[in-house]
Amino acid sequence: MFSYVHTSAGGVLVCFARWGMCERVSAPGGGNTGPAASLSAPGSAPQEEEEDGGGGGVFLDLTDLPVEQSERRPTCPRCCRPEKVCLCPFLPVNPLEVSTCLYIVQHPAEESRVLRTVPLLVACLPKGKCNVLVGRRFGEERFPDLAAVCRDKHTLILYPGSDAENLEELDTDFTSTPHNVIIIDGTWSQAKDMFLRNALFRLPKQVQLNSAPSSQYVIRTQPTNMCLSTLECAAVTLSIMERNQAIQEVLLRPLRALCSFQLQHGAQVHHSKEHLLKNGLYDKPMPKNKRKIKRMQKLITNQNI
């Protein structure tokens, strides 16, 4: 097999793909004068290449070119943000003292997101009070410690649904003792998949937030007006479990700063999909899938999704 490649000098470069051989042939009427004017048959001795500057080098050896190293912006080790937009001034000077222990089960896709909220949550709490576990499937053999936590009677899992109890309405005697709280970190579809496909997550008492404020995480689109980021869920949960409303304010401060920095650098305010649909502002094509259409209708009518 071979192919012809026209060169700027008017010649034709014939490449034998199978044998990795290339020869230059002059254009018709161009006066073939050198040994390169004839094609070498496969198996014959290759022509000796001319010295540099003799016109024999058709291609440059790209492997000899220096590789340009991409420079990454210096990152703050505490808040995991670039140093120019470091959020440490908005974090508590000392980690918040809490008795509740959080377990964040994180979808792998969240690790690569730039605007994550979990690193801010980890930076605000004492070591060991916010444990992050990454994966899609959490089996007992691979995560024995998490399995033990799920079987603990003092463990709650935060996930909305018909079987969930409102966290705000739990008996004060129940919340007076130290508890573990499991929070799923991912998009709503990812969180739903993780909750349904992991049997361990149906062992703890399921709870939901009934009186949560509107999300202040305005640089990311939420499905409904009641949806919160992982940091916001943790902030509301801890303020209830610890009976200390000030915790919520301390945890939300770096989130507001994060959104403010992004808006200053060109980011746009993202309204929830529910808000866009209700106000006729949803500019994307409507889905053709019946299940997705039904879900859209529920967003508009405020039905439980």
C-alpha atoms as a PDB file:
ATOM      1  CA  MET A   1       0.000   0.000   0.000  1.00  0.00           C
ATOM      2  CA  PHE A   2       1.198   3.512  -0.757  1.00  0.00           C
ATOM      3  CA  SER A   3      -0.152   7.025  -0.972  1.00  0.00           C
ATOM      4  CA  TYR A   4       0.804  10.182  -2.851  1.00  0.00           C
ATOM      5  CA  VAL A   5       1.362  13.476  -1.031  1.00  0.00           C
ATOM      6  CA  HIS A   6       2.011  16.626  -3.105  1.00  0.00           C
ATOM      7  CA  THR A   7       4.831  18.757  -1.739  1.00  0.00           C
ATOM      8  CA  SER A   8       5.264  22.530  -1.928  1.00  0.00           C
ATOM      9  CA  ALA A   9       8.240  22.089  -4.234  1.00  0.00           C
ATOM     10  CA  GLY A  10       6.056  20.561  -6.903  1.00  0.00           C
ATOM     11  CA  GLY A  11       7.145  16.995  -6.281  1.00  0.00           C
ATOM     12  CA  VAL A  12       5.153  14.033  -5.039  1.00  0.00           C
ATOM     13  CA  LEU A  13       6.011  12.146  -1.891  1.00  0.00           C
ATOM     14  CA  VAL A  14       5.131   8.477  -2.209  1.00  0.00           C
ATOM     15  CA  CYS A  15       4.790   6.628   1.084  1.00  0.00           C
ATOM     16  CA  PHE A  16       4.716   2.863   1.353  1.00  0.00           C
ATOM     17  CA  ALA A  17       2.597   2.479   4.477  1.00  0.00           C
ATOM     18  CA  ARG A  18       3.372  -1.170   4.997  1.00  0.00           C
ATOM     19  CA  TRP A  19       7.129  -0.796   4.941  1.00  0.00           C
ATOM     20  CA  GLY A  20       7.339   2.753   6.367  1.00  0.00           C
ATOM     21  CA  MET A  21       9.289   3.967   3.285  1.00  0.00           C
ATOM     22  CA  CYS A  22       8.996   7.415   1.698  1.00  0.00           C
ATOM     23  CA  GLU A  23      10.452   8.613  -1.614  1.00  0.00           C
ATOM     24  CA  ARG A  24      10.219  11.967  -3.443  1.00  0.00           C
ATOM     25  CA  VAL A  25       9.243  11.976  -7.102  1.00  0.00           C
ATOM     26  CA  SER A  26       9.526  15.118  -9.202  1.00  0.00           C
ATOM     27  CA  ALA A  27       6.440  16.553 -10.819  1.00  0.00           C
ATOM     28  CA  PRO A  28       5.942  15.705 -14.515  1.00  0.00           C
ATOM     29  CA  GLY A  29       8.336  17.706 -16.613  1.00  0.00           C
ATOM     30  CA  GLY A  30      10.282  18.712 -13.601  1.00  0.00           C
ATOM     31  CA  GLY A  31      13.495  17.020 -14.697  1.00  0.00           C
ATOM     32  CA  ASN A  32      14.258  14.007 -12.576  1.00  0.00           C
ATOM     33  CA  THR A  33      17.917  14.366 -11.818  1.00  0.00           C
ATOM     34  CA  GLY A  34      18.630  12.621  -8.545  1.00  0.00           C
ATOM     35  CA  PRO A  35      18.403   9.100  -7.204  1.00  0.00           C
ATOM     36  CA  ALA A  36      15.228  10.141  -5.360  1.00  0.00           C
ATOM     37  CA  ALA A  37      13.486  10.421  -8.712  1.00  0.00           C
ATOM     38  CA  SER A  38      12.935   6.673  -8.862  1.00  0.00           C
ATOM     39  CA  LEU A  39      10.904   4.569  -6.455  1.00  0.00           C
ATOM     40  CA  SER A  40      12.594   1.936  -4.376  1.00  0.00           C
ATOM     41  CA  ALA A  41      10.887  -1.401  -4.551  1.00  0.00           C
ATOM     42  CA  PRO A  42       9.959  -3.064  -1.297  1.00  0.00           C
ATOM     43  CA  GLY A  43      12.846  -5.099  -0.006  1.00  0.00           C
ATOM     44  CA  SER A  44      15.547  -3.173  -1.836  1.00  0.00           C
ATOM     45  CA  ALA A  45      18.210  -1.206  -0.010  1.00  0.00           C
ATOM     46  CA  PRO A  46      16.975   2.231   1.040  1.00  0.00           C
ATOM     47  CA  GLN A  47      18.547   5.310  -0.452  1.00  0.00           C
ATOM     48  CA  GLU A  48      21.033   7.112   1.770  1.00  0.00           C
ATOM     49  CA  GLU A  49      19.577  10.330   3.138  1.00  0.00           C
ATOM     50  CA  GLU A  50      21.325  13.571   2.264  1.00  0.00           C
ATOM     51  CA  GLU A  51      23.033  15.601   4.918  1.00  0.00           C
ATOM     52  CA  ASP A  52      21.063  18.320   6.703  1.00  0.00           C
ATOM     53  CA  GLY A  53      20.528  21.276   4.392  1.00  0.00           C
ATOM     54  CA  GLY A  54      20.550  19.090   1.277  1.00  0.00           C
ATOM     55  CA  GLY A  55      16.767  19.114   0.930  1.00  0.00           C
ATOM     56  CA  GLY A  56      16.359  15.435   1.745  1.00  0.00           C
ATOM     57  CA  GLY A  57      14.562  15.894   5.076  1.00  0.00           C
ATOM     58  CA  VAL A  58      10.856  16.009   4.322  1.00  0.00           C
ATOM     59  CA  PHE A  59       9.492  15.617   7.838  1.00  0.00           C
ATOM     60  CA  LEU A  60      10.878  16.800  11.146  1.00  0.00           C
ATOM     61  CA  ASP A  61      11.251  14.237  13.873  1.00  0.00           C
ATOM     62  CA  LEU A  62       8.582  15.476  16.277  1.00  0.00           C
ATOM     63  CA  THR A  63      10.003  13.356  19.084  1.00  0.00           C
ATOM     64  CA  ASP A  64      13.009  15.692  19.200  1.00  0.00           C
ATOM     65  CA  LEU A  65      10.871  18.749  19.862  1.00  0.00           C
ATOM     66  CA  PRO A  66      10.830  19.919  23.488  1.00  0.00           C
ATOM     67  CA  VAL A  67       7.615  19.188  25.368  1.00  0.00           C
ATOM     68  CA  GLU A  68       6.049  22.322  26.753  1.00  0.00           C
ATOM     69  CA  GLN A  69       5.138  21.755  30.384  1.00  0.00           C
ATOM     70  CA  SER A  70       1.741  23.120  31.374  1.00  0.00           C
ATOM     71  CA  GLU A  71       1.894  25.167  34.532  1.00  0.00           C
ATOM     72  CA  ARG A  72      -0.842  24.623  37.095  1.00  0.00           C
ATOM     73  CA  ARG A  73      -1.909  27.431  39.331  1.00  0.00           C
ATOM     74  CA  PRO A  74      -0.672  27.083  42.916  1.00  0.00           C
ATOM     75  CA  THR A  75      -3.431  25.616  45.071  1.00  0.00           C
ATOM     76  CA  CYS A  76      -4.152  26.282  48.722  1.00  0.00           C
ATOM     77  CA  PRO A  77      -3.746  23.003  50.658  1.00  0.00           C
ATOM     78  CA  ARG A  78      -6.554  23.839  53.085  1.00  0.00           C
ATOM     79  CA  CYS A  79      -9.452  25.011  50.905  1.00  0.00           C
ATOM     80  CA  CYS A  80      -8.195  23.328  47.674  1.00  0.00           C
ATOM     81  CA  ARG A  81      -8.781  26.530  45.697  1.00  0.00           C
ATOM     82  CA  PRO A  82      -6.244  28.471  43.573  1.00  0.00           C
ATOM     83  CA  GLU A  83      -4.215  30.799  45.777  1.00  0.00           C
ATOM     84  CA  LYS A  84      -5.522  33.911  43.997  1.00  0.00           C
ATOM     85  CA  VAL A  85      -9.068  33.043  45.062  1.00  0.00           C
ATOM     86  CA  CYS A  86      -8.206  31.355  48.356  1.00  0.00           C
ATOM     87  CA  LEU A  87     -11.222  30.951  50.636  1.00  0.00           C
ATOM     88  CA  CYS A  88      -9.320  30.457  53.893  1.00  0.00           C
ATOM     89  CA  PRO A  89     -10.190  33.989  55.159  1.00  0.00           C
ATOM     90  CA  PHE A  90     -13.825  32.878  55.103  1.00  0.00           C
ATOM     91  CA  LEU A  91     -13.223  29.602  56.960  1.00  0.00           C
ATOM     92  CA  PRO A  92     -13.415  29.388  60.760  1.00  0.00           C
ATOM     93  CA  VAL A  93     -10.100  30.058  62.489  1.00  0.00           C
ATOM     94  CA  ASN A  94     -10.511  26.811  64.410  1.00  0.00           C
ATOM     95  CA  PRO A  95     -12.539  23.794  63.240  1.00  0.00           C
ATOM     96  CA  LEU A  96     -16.099  23.712  64.525  1.00  0.00           C
ATOM     97  CA  GLU A  97     -16.515  21.483  67.554  1.00  0.00           C
ATOM     98  CA  VAL A  98     -19.377  19.087  66.805  1.00  0.00           C
ATOM     99  CA  SER A  99     -20.436  15.729  68.209  1.00  0.00           C
ATOM    100  CA  THR A 100     -22.067  14.574  64.953  1.00  0.00           C
ATOM    101  CA  CYS A 101     -19.887  12.602  62.545  1.00  0.00           C
ATOM    102  CA  LEU A 102     -20.530  13.044  58.817  1.00  0.00           C
ATOM    103  CA  TYR A 103     -19.914  10.402  56.162  1.00  0.00           C
ATOM    104  CA  ILE A 104     -19.928  11.829  52.628  1.00  0.00           C
ATOM    105  CA  VAL A 105     -20.364   9.047  50.052  1.00  0.00           C
ATOM    106  CA  GLN A 106     -19.206  10.732  46.863  1.00  0.00           C
ATOM    107  CA  HIS A 107     -19.814   9.792  43.244  1.00  0.00           C
ATOM    108  CA  PRO A 108     -16.450   9.561  41.371  1.00  0.00           C
ATOM    109  CA  ALA A 109     -17.527  12.263  38.897  1.00  0.00           C
ATOM    110  CA  GLU A 110     -17.595  14.831  41.709  1.00  0.00           C
ATOM    111  CA  GLU A 111     -13.828  14.490  42.232  1.00  0.00           C
ATOM    112  CA  SER A 112     -13.083  16.183  38.902  1.00  0.00           C
ATOM    113  CA  ARG A 113     -15.492  19.092  39.369  1.00  0.00           C
ATOM    114  CA  VAL A 114     -13.788  22.436  39.894  1.00  0.00           C
ATOM    115  CA  LEU A 115     -16.516  24.034  42.009  1.00  0.00           C
ATOM    116  CA  ARG A 116     -16.931  21.360  44.664  1.00  0.00           C
ATOM    117  CA  THR A 117     -18.306  22.164  48.099  1.00  0.00           C
ATOM    118  CA  VAL A 118     -17.123  19.098  50.022  1.00  0.00           C
ATOM    119  CA  PRO A 119     -13.490  20.339  50.422  1.00  0.00           C
ATOM    120  CA  LEU A 120     -14.877  23.450  52.135  1.00  0.00           C
ATOM    121  CA  LEU A 121     -16.920  21.277  54.472  1.00  0.00           C
ATOM    122  CA  VAL A 122     -13.877  19.163  55.346  1.00  0.00           C
ATOM    123  CA  ALA A 123     -11.850  22.327  56.040  1.00  0.00           C
ATOM    124  CA  CYS A 124     -14.478  23.607  58.493  1.00  0.00           C
ATOM    125  CA  LEU A 125     -14.756  20.481  60.652  1.00  0.00           C
ATOM    126  CA  PRO A 126     -12.292  18.639  62.913  1.00  0.00           C
ATOM    127  CA  LYS A 127     -10.361  15.721  61.487  1.00  0.00           C
ATOM    128  CA  GLY A 128     -12.454  12.578  61.607  1.00  0.00           C
ATOM    129  CA  LYS A 129     -15.761  14.451  61.734  1.00  0.00           C
ATOM    130  CA  CYS A 130     -16.176  14.606  57.956  1.00  0.00           C
ATOM    131  CA  ASN A 131     -15.168  11.377  56.219  1.00  0.00           C
ATOM    132  CA  VAL A 132     -15.289  11.238  52.409  1.00  0.00           C
ATOM    133  CA  LEU A 133     -15.704   7.857  50.678  1.00  0.00           C
ATOM    134  CA  VAL A 134     -15.594   7.776  46.858  1.00  0.00           C
ATOM    135  CA  GLY A 135     -17.358   5.180  44.740  1.00  0.00           C
ATOM    136  CA  ARG A 136     -20.566   4.045  43.089  1.00  0.00           C
ATOM    137  CA  ARG A 137     -21.051   0.738  44.866  1.00  0.00           C
ATOM    138  CA  PHE A 138     -20.394   0.393  48.576  1.00  0.00           C
ATOM    139  CA  GLY A 139     -20.280  -3.282  49.476  1.00  0.00           C
ATOM    140  CA  GLU A 140     -19.562  -4.613  52.940  1.00  0.00           C
ATOM    141  CA  GLU A 141     -16.373  -6.398  51.883  1.00  0.00           C
ATOM    142  CA  ARG A 142     -14.799  -3.283  50.391  1.00  0.00           C
ATOM    143  CA  PHE A 143     -16.152  -0.824  52.971  1.00  0.00           C
ATOM    144  CA  PRO A 144     -16.403  -2.743  56.267  1.00  0.00           C
ATOM    145  CA  ASP A 145     -16.171   0.418  58.392  1.00  0.00           C
ATOM    146  CA  LEU A 146     -19.032   2.041  56.493  1.00  0.00           C
ATOM    147  CA  ALA A 147     -21.071  -1.148  56.861  1.00  0.00           C
ATOM    148  CA  ALA A 148     -20.577  -1.000  60.632  1.00  0.00           C
ATOM    149  CA  VAL A 149     -21.683   2.643  60.636  1.00  0.00           C
ATOM    150  CA  CYS A 150     -24.816   1.787  58.633  1.00  0.00           C
ATOM    151  CA  ARG A 151     -25.763  -0.869  61.185  1.00  0.00           C
ATOM    152  CA  ASP A 152     -25.317   1.512  64.097  1.00  0.00           C
ATOM    153  CA  LYS A 153     -28.696   2.526  65.556  1.00  0.00           C
ATOM    154  CA  HIS A 154     -27.385   6.083  65.923  1.00  0.00           C
ATOM    155  CA  THR A 155     -26.811   6.493  62.182  1.00  0.00           C
ATOM    156  CA  LEU A 156     -29.050   8.528  59.874  1.00  0.00           C
ATOM    157  CA  ILE A 157     -28.974   8.789  56.094  1.00  0.00           C
ATOM    158  CA  LEU A 158     -30.079  12.056  54.516  1.00  0.00           C
ATOM    159  CA  TYR A 159     -32.136  11.258  51.438  1.00  0.00           C
ATOM    160  CA  PRO A 160     -35.644  12.561  50.616  1.00  0.00           C
ATOM    161  CA  GLY A 161     -38.517  10.207  49.949  1.00  0.00           C
ATOM    162  CA  SER A 162     -41.882   8.907  51.108  1.00  0.00           C
ATOM    163  CA  ASP A 163     -40.197   6.740  53.751  1.00  0.00           C
ATOM    164  CA  ALA A 164     -38.064   9.567  55.144  1.00  0.00           C
ATOM    165  CA  GLU A 165     -38.821  11.329  58.413  1.00  0.00           C
ATOM    166  CA  ASN A 166     -38.351  15.061  58.734  1.00  0.00           C
ATOM    167  CA  LEU A 167     -35.105  15.687  60.573  1.00  0.00           C
ATOM    168  CA  GLU A 168     -36.579  18.745  62.264  1.00  0.00           C
ATOM    169  CA  GLU A 169     -39.337  16.612  63.822  1.00  0.00           C
ATOM    170  CA  LEU A 170     -37.218  13.861  65.363  1.00  0.00           C
ATOM    171  CA  ASP A 171     -37.569  13.380  69.092  1.00  0.00           C
ATOM    172  CA  THR A 172     -35.133  15.558  71.025  1.00  0.00           C
ATOM    173  CA  ASP A 173     -34.116  12.521  73.079  1.00  0.00           C
ATOM    174  CA  PHE A 174     -33.045  10.849  69.848  1.00  0.00           C
ATOM    175  CA  THR A 175     -30.910  13.767  68.688  1.00  0.00           C
ATOM    176  CA  SER A 176     -29.421  14.433  72.116  1.00  0.00           C
ATOM    177  CA  THR A 177     -26.886  11.612  71.697  1.00  0.00           C
ATOM    178  CA  PRO A 178     -23.998  11.739  69.184  1.00  0.00           C
ATOM    179  CA  HIS A 179     -25.001  10.489  65.757  1.00  0.00           C
ATOM    180  CA  ASN A 180     -23.539   9.578  62.392  1.00  0.00           C
ATOM    181  CA  VAL A 181     -25.106  11.146  59.294  1.00  0.00           C
ATOM    182  CA  ILE A 182     -24.555   9.789  55.783  1.00  0.00           C
ATOM    183  CA  ILE A 183     -24.901  12.293  52.913  1.00  0.00           C
ATOM    184  CA  ILE A 184     -24.711  11.303  49.235  1.00  0.00           C
ATOM    185  CA  ASP A 185     -22.639  13.711  47.113  1.00  0.00           C
ATOM    186  CA  GLY A 186     -23.464  13.819  43.405  1.00  0.00           C
ATOM    187  CA  THR A 187     -26.047  15.029  40.936  1.00  0.00           C
ATOM    188  CA  TRP A 188     -29.624  14.090  41.760  1.00  0.00           C
ATOM    189  CA  SER A 189     -29.642  11.256  39.227  1.00  0.00           C
ATOM    190  CA  GLN A 190     -26.301   9.969  40.554  1.00  0.00           C
ATOM    191  CA  ALA A 191     -27.494  10.190  44.164  1.00  0.00           C
ATOM    192  CA  LYS A 192     -30.691   8.313  43.327  1.00  0.00           C
ATOM    193  CA  ASP A 193     -28.750   5.561  41.578  1.00  0.00           C
ATOM    194  CA  MET A 194     -26.326   5.226  44.501  1.00  0.00           C
ATOM    195  CA  PHE A 195     -29.117   5.114  47.080  1.00  0.00           C
ATOM    196  CA  LEU A 196     -31.162   2.485  45.248  1.00  0.00           C
ATOM    197  CA  ARG A 197     -28.252   0.242  44.278  1.00  0.00           C
ATOM    198  CA  ASN A 198     -26.547   0.061  47.681  1.00  0.00           C
ATOM    199  CA  ALA A 199     -28.363  -2.144  50.172  1.00  0.00           C
ATOM    200  CA  LEU A 200     -26.278  -0.733  53.048  1.00  0.00           C
ATOM    201  CA  PHE A 201     -27.933   2.670  52.623  1.00  0.00           C
ATOM    202  CA  ARG A 202     -31.341   1.275  53.513  1.00  0.00           C
ATOM    203  CA  LEU A 203     -30.193   0.096  56.940  1.00  0.00           C
ATOM    204  CA  PRO A 204     -30.015   3.487  58.734  1.00  0.00           C
ATOM    205  CA  LYS A 205     -33.034   5.647  59.537  1.00  0.00           C
ATOM    206  CA  GLN A 206     -33.862   7.739  56.469  1.00  0.00           C
ATOM    207  CA  VAL A 207     -34.395  11.462  57.069  1.00  0.00           C
ATOM    208  CA  GLN A 208     -34.988  14.562  54.978  1.00  0.00           C
ATOM    209  CA  LEU A 209     -34.909  18.332  55.431  1.00  0.00           C
ATOM    210  CA  ASN A 210     -38.364  19.888  55.510  1.00  0.00           C
ATOM    211  CA  SER A 211     -37.659  23.545  56.238  1.00  0.00           C
ATOM    212  CA  ALA A 212     -34.391  24.169  54.415  1.00  0.00           C
ATOM    213  CA  PRO A 213     -33.760  27.643  52.942  1.00  0.00           C
ATOM    214  CA  SER A 214     -33.316  28.290  49.226  1.00  0.00           C
ATOM    215  CA  SER A 215     -29.913  27.327  47.895  1.00  0.00           C
ATOM    216  CA  GLN A 216     -27.199  29.983  47.895  1.00  0.00           C
ATOM    217  CA  TYR A 217     -25.081  27.882  45.536  1.00  0.00           C
ATOM    218  CA  VAL A 218     -26.139  30.078  42.600  1.00  0.00           C
ATOM    219  CA  ILE A 219     -23.333  29.112  40.214  1.00  0.00           C
ATOM    220  CA  ARG A 220     -24.702  25.626  39.611  1.00  0.00           C
ATOM    221  CA  THR A 221     -28.145  24.678  38.306  1.00  0.00           C
ATOM    222  CA  GLN A 222     -30.374  22.743  40.711  1.00  0.00           C
ATOM    223  CA  PRO A 223     -33.431  20.692  39.649  1.00  0.00           C
ATOM    224  CA  THR A 224     -35.846  22.440  42.035  1.00  0.00           C
ATOM    225  CA  ASN A 225     -35.926  25.491  44.274  1.00  0.00           C
ATOM    226  CA  MET A 226     -35.642  23.253  47.348  1.00  0.00           C
ATOM    227  CA  CYS A 227     -32.475  21.451  46.234  1.00  0.00           C
ATOM    228  CA  LEU A 228     -29.307  22.201  48.177  1.00  0.00           C
ATOM    229  CA  SER A 229     -25.612  21.598  47.650  1.00  0.00           C
ATOM    230  CA  THR A 230     -23.856  19.005  49.800  1.00  0.00           C
ATOM    231  CA  LEU A 231     -22.315  21.729  51.953  1.00  0.00           C
ATOM    232  CA  GLU A 232     -25.710  23.347  52.511  1.00  0.00           C
ATOM    233  CA  CYS A 233     -27.296  20.005  53.427  1.00  0.00           C
ATOM    234  CA  ALA A 234     -24.542  19.401  55.965  1.00  0.00           C
ATOM    235  CA  ALA A 235     -24.864  22.934  57.361  1.00  0.00           C
ATOM    236  CA  VAL A 236     -28.610  22.617  57.975  1.00  0.00           C
ATOM    237  CA  THR A 237     -28.245  19.075  59.329  1.00  0.00           C
ATOM    238  CA  LEU A 238     -25.505  19.984  61.793  1.00  0.00           C
ATOM    239  CA  SER A 239     -27.364  23.064  63.015  1.00  0.00           C
ATOM    240  CA  ILE A 240     -30.338  20.809  63.835  1.00  0.00           C
ATOM    241  CA  MET A 241     -28.358  17.929  65.313  1.00  0.00           C
ATOM    242  CA  GLU A 242     -26.128  20.213  67.384  1.00  0.00           C
ATOM    243  CA  ARG A 243     -28.989  22.598  68.241  1.00  0.00           C
ATOM    244  CA  ASN A 244     -26.828  25.511  67.207  1.00  0.00           C
ATOM    245  CA  GLN A 245     -28.039  27.769  64.399  1.00  0.00           C
ATOM    246  CA  ALA A 246     -24.672  29.563  64.278  1.00  0.00           C
ATOM    247  CA  ILE A 247     -23.109  26.450  62.705  1.00  0.00           C
ATOM    248  CA  GLN A 248     -25.140  26.981  59.553  1.00  0.00           C
ATOM    249  CA  GLU A 249     -23.913  30.549  59.166  1.00  0.00           C
ATOM    250  CA  VAL A 250     -20.258  29.573  59.669  1.00  0.00           C
ATOM    251  CA  LEU A 251     -20.453  26.800  57.055  1.00  0.00           C
ATOM    252  CA  LEU A 252     -22.268  28.914  54.476  1.00  0.00           C
ATOM    253  CA  ARG A 253     -19.794  31.805  54.636  1.00  0.00           C
ATOM    254  CA  PRO A 254     -17.127  30.176  52.386  1.00  0.00           C
ATOM    255  CA  LEU A 255     -19.837  29.030  49.969  1.00  0.00           C
ATOM    256  CA  ARG A 256     -21.056  32.597  49.508  1.00  0.00           C
ATOM    257  CA  ALA A 257     -17.457  33.735  48.956  1.00  0.00           C
ATOM    258  CA  LEU A 258     -16.921  30.995  46.361  1.00  0.00           C
ATOM    259  CA  CYS A 259     -20.000  32.100  44.422  1.00  0.00           C
ATOM    260  CA  SER A 260     -18.992  35.764  44.718  1.00  0.00           C
ATOM    261  CA  PHE A 261     -15.513  35.094  43.283  1.00  0.00           C
ATOM    262  CA  GLN A 262     -16.987  33.153  40.357  1.00  0.00           C
ATOM    263  CA  LEU A 263     -19.548  35.848  39.567  1.00  0.00           C
ATOM    264  CA  GLN A 264     -16.796  38.487  39.607  1.00  0.00           C
ATOM    265  CA  HIS A 265     -14.891  36.448  37.021  1.00  0.00           C
ATOM    266  CA  GLY A 266     -17.770  36.137  34.561  1.00  0.00           C
ATOM    267  CA  ALA A 267     -19.946  33.340  35.922  1.00  0.00           C
ATOM    268  CA  GLN A 268     -23.710  33.728  35.601  1.00  0.00           C
ATOM    269  CA  VAL A 269     -26.398  33.206  38.230  1.00  0.00           C
ATOM    270  CA  HIS A 270     -28.063  29.825  37.660  1.00  0.00           C
ATOM    271  CA  HIS A 271     -31.748  29.521  38.444  1.00  0.00           C
ATOM    272  CA  SER A 272     -33.216  26.113  39.196  1.00  0.00           C
ATOM    273  CA  LYS A 273     -34.777  24.121  36.374  1.00  0.00           C
ATOM    274  CA  GLU A 274     -38.096  24.432  38.206  1.00  0.00           C
ATOM    275  CA  HIS A 275     -37.829  28.246  38.154  1.00  0.00           C
ATOM    276  CA  LEU A 276     -36.953  28.306  34.444  1.00  0.00           C
ATOM    277  CA  LEU A 277     -39.863  26.055  33.485  1.00  0.00           C
ATOM    278  CA  LYS A 278     -42.431  27.942  35.548  1.00  0.00           C
ATOM    279  CA  ASN A 279     -41.388  31.304  34.107  1.00  0.00           C
ATOM    280  CA  GLY A 280     -41.032  30.206  30.486  1.00  0.00           C
ATOM    281  CA  LEU A 281     -37.264  30.733  30.532  1.00  0.00           C
ATOM    282  CA  TYR A 282     -36.189  27.161  29.778  1.00  0.00           C
ATOM    283  CA  ASP A 283     -34.415  27.529  26.405  1.00  0.00           C
ATOM    284  CA  LYS A 284     -33.292  23.944  25.861  1.00  0.00           C
ATOM    285  CA  PRO A 285     -35.220  21.463  23.673  1.00  0.00           C
ATOM    286  CA  MET A 286     -37.859  19.592  25.636  1.00  0.00           C
ATOM    287  CA  PRO A 287     -37.092  15.887  26.077  1.00  0.00           C
ATOM    288  CA  LYS A 288     -38.841  13.297  23.910  1.00  0.00           C
ATOM    289  CA  ASN A 289     -38.586  10.552  26.516  1.00  0.00           C
ATOM    290  CA  LYS A 290     -41.976  10.141  28.246  1.00  0.00           C
ATOM    291  CA  ARG A 291     -40.400   9.583  31.641  1.00  0.00           C
ATOM    292  CA  LYS A 292     -38.392  12.810  31.367  1.00  0.00           C
ATOM    293  CA  ILE A 293     -41.449  14.738  30.151  1.00  0.00           C
ATOM    294  CA  LYS A 294     -43.412  13.510  33.169  1.00  0.00           C
ATOM    295  CA  ARG A 295     -40.580  14.591  35.421  1.00  0.00           C
ATOM    296  CA  MET A 296     -40.611  18.065  33.851  1.00  0.00           C
ATOM    297  CA  GLN A 297     -44.357  18.325  34.479  1.00  0.00           C
ATOM    298  CA  LYS A 298     -43.834  17.441  38.133  1.00  0.00           C
ATOM    299  CA  LEU A 299     -41.280  20.237  38.443  1.00  0.00           C
ATOM    300  CA  ILE A 300     -43.839  22.721  37.156  1.00  0.00           C
ATOM    301  CA  THR A 301     -46.661  21.498  39.418  1.00  0.00           C
ATOM    302  CA  ASN A 302     -44.497  21.192  42.562  1.00  0.00           C
ATOM    303  CA  GLN A 303     -45.204  17.481  42.859  1.00  0.00           C
ATOM    304  CA  ASN A 304     -42.831  15.244  44.757  1.00  0.00           C
ATOM    305  CA  ILE A 305     -40.068  14.118  42.391  1.00  0.00           C
END
